[in-house]
Amino acid sequence: MAPSDDRSSTTTANRATSGRLRRGGWAAIVVLAALLAAAIGYAIHVWNQLSGVAVSGQGWFAMALVFYSSRKNYDQ
């Protein structure tokens, strides 16, 4: 068997298995999904706790200015 044939069969084997996730890849996906779910749950909890807080007109205006300046790169 020629050395080039051995490399081509190894390359073909790597291509066949490169699209599959191994156990570590699935574990990383599960951990990241759990972190995302926890972050969303915490955000919902905090949002519900702030339901009685009112923002004045000046507060909304200030937030609009911050948003506008960040979109137009005035904050650089």
N, C-alpha and C. Protein backbone atom coordinates (compact mmCIF):
# COMPACT_ATOMS: atom_id res chain seq x y z
N MET A 1 0.85 -1.17 0.00
CA MET A 1 0.00 0.00 0.00
C MET A 1 0.90 1.24 0.00
N ALA A 2 0.61 2.18 -0.85
CA ALA A 2 1.41 3.40 -0.97
C ALA A 2 1.05 4.36 0.15
N PRO A 3 1.99 5.23 0.57
CA PRO A 3 1.70 6.19 1.64
C PRO A 3 0.56 7.14 1.30
N SER A 4 0.43 7.49 0.02
CA SER A 4 -0.65 8.41 -0.35
C SER A 4 -2.02 7.77 -0.14
N ASP A 5 -2.12 6.44 -0.37
CA ASP A 5 -3.39 5.75 -0.17
C ASP A 5 -3.77 5.75 1.31
N ASP A 6 -2.77 5.61 2.19
CA ASP A 6 -3.04 5.60 3.62
C ASP A 6 -3.55 6.97 4.08
N ARG A 7 -2.97 8.04 3.57
CA ARG A 7 -3.41 9.39 3.95
C ARG A 7 -4.82 9.67 3.43
N SER A 8 -5.11 9.21 2.23
CA SER A 8 -6.44 9.48 1.68
C SER A 8 -7.51 8.73 2.45
N SER A 9 -7.22 7.53 2.92
CA SER A 9 -8.22 6.80 3.70
C SER A 9 -8.41 7.44 5.07
N THR A 10 -7.33 7.99 5.66
CA THR A 10 -7.44 8.68 6.93
C THR A 10 -8.25 9.96 6.77
N THR A 11 -8.01 10.69 5.68
CA THR A 11 -8.74 11.92 5.41
C THR A 11 -10.23 11.61 5.22
N THR A 12 -10.54 10.55 4.51
CA THR A 12 -11.93 10.15 4.29
C THR A 12 -12.59 9.78 5.61
N ALA A 13 -11.87 9.09 6.49
CA ALA A 13 -12.41 8.71 7.79
C ALA A 13 -12.66 9.95 8.65
N ASN A 14 -11.75 10.94 8.59
CA ASN A 14 -11.93 12.17 9.36
C ASN A 14 -13.14 12.95 8.86
N ARG A 15 -13.35 12.98 7.56
CA ARG A 15 -14.50 13.68 7.01
C ARG A 15 -15.80 13.02 7.43
N ALA A 16 -15.80 11.70 7.52
CA ALA A 16 -17.02 10.98 7.88
C ALA A 16 -17.41 11.23 9.32
N THR A 17 -16.43 11.40 10.21
CA THR A 17 -16.74 11.58 11.63
C THR A 17 -16.71 13.03 12.07
N SER A 18 -16.26 13.95 11.22
CA SER A 18 -16.13 15.34 11.65
C SER A 18 -17.48 16.02 11.84
N GLY A 19 -18.54 15.56 11.22
CA GLY A 19 -19.85 16.17 11.35
C GLY A 19 -20.61 15.70 12.58
N ARG A 20 -20.10 14.72 13.27
CA ARG A 20 -20.78 14.18 14.44
C ARG A 20 -20.21 14.77 15.72
N LEU A 21 -21.06 14.96 16.69
CA LEU A 21 -20.61 15.45 17.98
C LEU A 21 -20.28 14.27 18.89
N ARG A 22 -19.22 14.44 19.61
CA ARG A 22 -18.87 13.41 20.58
C ARG A 22 -19.52 13.74 21.90
N ARG A 23 -19.23 12.95 22.89
CA ARG A 23 -19.83 13.11 24.21
C ARG A 23 -19.53 14.49 24.80
N GLY A 24 -18.30 14.97 24.65
CA GLY A 24 -17.94 16.29 25.16
C GLY A 24 -18.69 17.42 24.48
N GLY A 25 -18.91 17.29 23.19
CA GLY A 25 -19.67 18.30 22.45
C GLY A 25 -21.11 18.38 22.92
N TRP A 26 -21.72 17.22 23.13
CA TRP A 26 -23.10 17.20 23.63
C TRP A 26 -23.16 17.75 25.05
N ALA A 27 -22.16 17.43 25.86
CA ALA A 27 -22.13 17.96 27.24
C ALA A 27 -22.04 19.48 27.21
N ALA A 28 -21.23 20.03 26.32
CA ALA A 28 -21.11 21.48 26.21
C ALA A 28 -22.43 22.11 25.79
N ILE A 29 -23.12 21.49 24.85
CA ILE A 29 -24.41 22.01 24.40
C ILE A 29 -25.42 21.98 25.54
N VAL A 30 -25.45 20.90 26.30
CA VAL A 30 -26.38 20.79 27.42
C VAL A 30 -26.08 21.85 28.48
N VAL A 31 -24.80 22.05 28.79
CA VAL A 31 -24.43 23.06 29.79
C VAL A 31 -24.80 24.46 29.32
N LEU A 32 -24.52 24.77 28.06
CA LEU A 32 -24.86 26.09 27.53
C LEU A 32 -26.37 26.31 27.47
N ALA A 33 -27.11 25.28 27.13
CA ALA A 33 -28.57 25.40 27.11
C ALA A 33 -29.11 25.62 28.52
N ALA A 34 -28.52 24.95 29.50
CA ALA A 34 -28.95 25.14 30.89
C ALA A 34 -28.63 26.56 31.36
N LEU A 35 -27.47 27.07 31.00
CA LEU A 35 -27.12 28.45 31.37
C LEU A 35 -28.06 29.46 30.70
N LEU A 36 -28.40 29.22 29.45
CA LEU A 36 -29.34 30.10 28.75
C LEU A 36 -30.71 30.07 29.42
N ALA A 37 -31.17 28.87 29.78
CA ALA A 37 -32.47 28.75 30.44
C ALA A 37 -32.45 29.46 31.79
N ALA A 38 -31.35 29.33 32.54
CA ALA A 38 -31.24 30.00 33.83
C ALA A 38 -31.24 31.52 33.66
N ALA A 39 -30.53 32.01 32.65
CA ALA A 39 -30.49 33.46 32.41
C ALA A 39 -31.86 33.99 32.03
N ILE A 40 -32.57 33.27 31.19
CA ILE A 40 -33.92 33.69 30.79
C ILE A 40 -34.86 33.66 31.99
N GLY A 41 -34.76 32.61 32.80
CA GLY A 41 -35.59 32.52 33.99
C GLY A 41 -35.32 33.65 34.96
N TYR A 42 -34.05 34.00 35.15
CA TYR A 42 -33.70 35.10 36.04
C TYR A 42 -34.20 36.43 35.48
N ALA A 43 -34.07 36.62 34.18
CA ALA A 43 -34.55 37.86 33.55
C ALA A 43 -36.06 38.01 33.72
N ILE A 44 -36.79 36.93 33.56
CA ILE A 44 -38.25 36.97 33.74
C ILE A 44 -38.58 37.28 35.20
N HIS A 45 -37.87 36.67 36.12
CA HIS A 45 -38.10 36.92 37.55
C HIS A 45 -37.86 38.39 37.89
N VAL A 46 -36.74 38.94 37.43
CA VAL A 46 -36.43 40.34 37.72
C VAL A 46 -37.44 41.26 37.06
N TRP A 47 -37.84 40.96 35.83
CA TRP A 47 -38.82 41.78 35.12
C TRP A 47 -40.14 41.82 35.90
N ASN A 48 -40.56 40.67 36.42
CA ASN A 48 -41.80 40.62 37.20
C ASN A 48 -41.67 41.36 38.52
N GLN A 49 -40.50 41.37 39.13
CA GLN A 49 -40.30 42.08 40.38
C GLN A 49 -40.32 43.59 40.18
N LEU A 50 -40.01 44.07 39.00
CA LEU A 50 -39.96 45.49 38.72
C LEU A 50 -41.28 46.04 38.18
N SER A 51 -42.33 45.28 38.28
CA SER A 51 -43.59 45.71 37.67
C SER A 51 -44.15 46.97 38.31
N GLY A 52 -43.82 47.26 39.58
CA GLY A 52 -44.35 48.44 40.23
C GLY A 52 -43.47 49.67 40.06
N VAL A 53 -42.35 49.55 39.40
CA VAL A 53 -41.42 50.66 39.23
C VAL A 53 -41.83 51.47 38.01
N ALA A 54 -41.96 52.77 38.19
CA ALA A 54 -42.35 53.65 37.08
C ALA A 54 -41.13 54.44 36.59
N VAL A 55 -41.05 54.62 35.29
CA VAL A 55 -39.99 55.41 34.69
C VAL A 55 -40.60 56.74 34.25
N SER A 56 -39.98 57.83 34.67
CA SER A 56 -40.52 59.15 34.32
C SER A 56 -40.25 59.47 32.86
N GLY A 57 -40.83 60.54 32.39
CA GLY A 57 -40.61 60.99 31.02
C GLY A 57 -39.15 61.35 30.77
N GLN A 58 -38.51 61.92 31.79
CA GLN A 58 -37.09 62.26 31.65
C GLN A 58 -36.24 60.99 31.51
N GLY A 59 -36.63 59.94 32.23
CA GLY A 59 -35.91 58.66 32.12
C GLY A 59 -36.01 58.07 30.73
N TRP A 60 -37.25 58.09 30.16
CA TRP A 60 -37.45 57.58 28.80
C TRP A 60 -36.66 58.42 27.79
N PHE A 61 -36.64 59.73 27.99
CA PHE A 61 -35.90 60.62 27.09
C PHE A 61 -34.40 60.32 27.17
N ALA A 62 -33.90 60.11 28.38
CA ALA A 62 -32.48 59.80 28.55
C ALA A 62 -32.13 58.47 27.88
N MET A 63 -33.01 57.48 28.03
CA MET A 63 -32.75 56.19 27.38
C MET A 63 -32.79 56.33 25.86
N ALA A 64 -33.69 57.15 25.35
CA ALA A 64 -33.76 57.37 23.90
C ALA A 64 -32.48 58.04 23.40
N LEU A 65 -31.97 58.99 24.16
CA LEU A 65 -30.71 59.65 23.76
C LEU A 65 -29.54 58.68 23.78
N VAL A 66 -29.49 57.84 24.78
CA VAL A 66 -28.41 56.84 24.85
C VAL A 66 -28.50 55.89 23.67
N PHE A 67 -29.70 55.42 23.36
CA PHE A 67 -29.88 54.53 22.22
C PHE A 67 -29.49 55.22 20.92
N TYR A 68 -29.96 56.44 20.72
CA TYR A 68 -29.67 57.17 19.49
C TYR A 68 -28.17 57.42 19.34
N SER A 69 -27.51 57.84 20.42
CA SER A 69 -26.09 58.14 20.33
C SER A 69 -25.27 56.88 20.08
N SER A 70 -25.70 55.76 20.62
CA SER A 70 -24.95 54.52 20.36
C SER A 70 -25.15 54.05 18.93
N ARG A 71 -26.32 54.27 18.36
CA ARG A 71 -26.57 53.86 16.97
C ARG A 71 -25.83 54.74 15.97
N LYS A 72 -25.61 56.00 16.30
CA LYS A 72 -24.93 56.93 15.41
C LYS A 72 -23.43 57.05 15.71
N ASN A 73 -22.94 56.24 16.65
CA ASN A 73 -21.52 56.25 17.05
C ASN A 73 -21.06 57.58 17.61
N TYR A 74 -21.95 58.29 18.29
CA TYR A 74 -21.55 59.53 18.95
C TYR A 74 -20.84 59.27 20.27
N ASP A 75 -20.91 58.05 20.76
CA ASP A 75 -20.28 57.75 22.04
C ASP A 75 -18.83 57.29 21.91
N GLN A 76 -18.27 57.39 20.74
CA GLN A 76 -16.87 56.98 20.54
C GLN A 76 -15.89 58.02 20.97
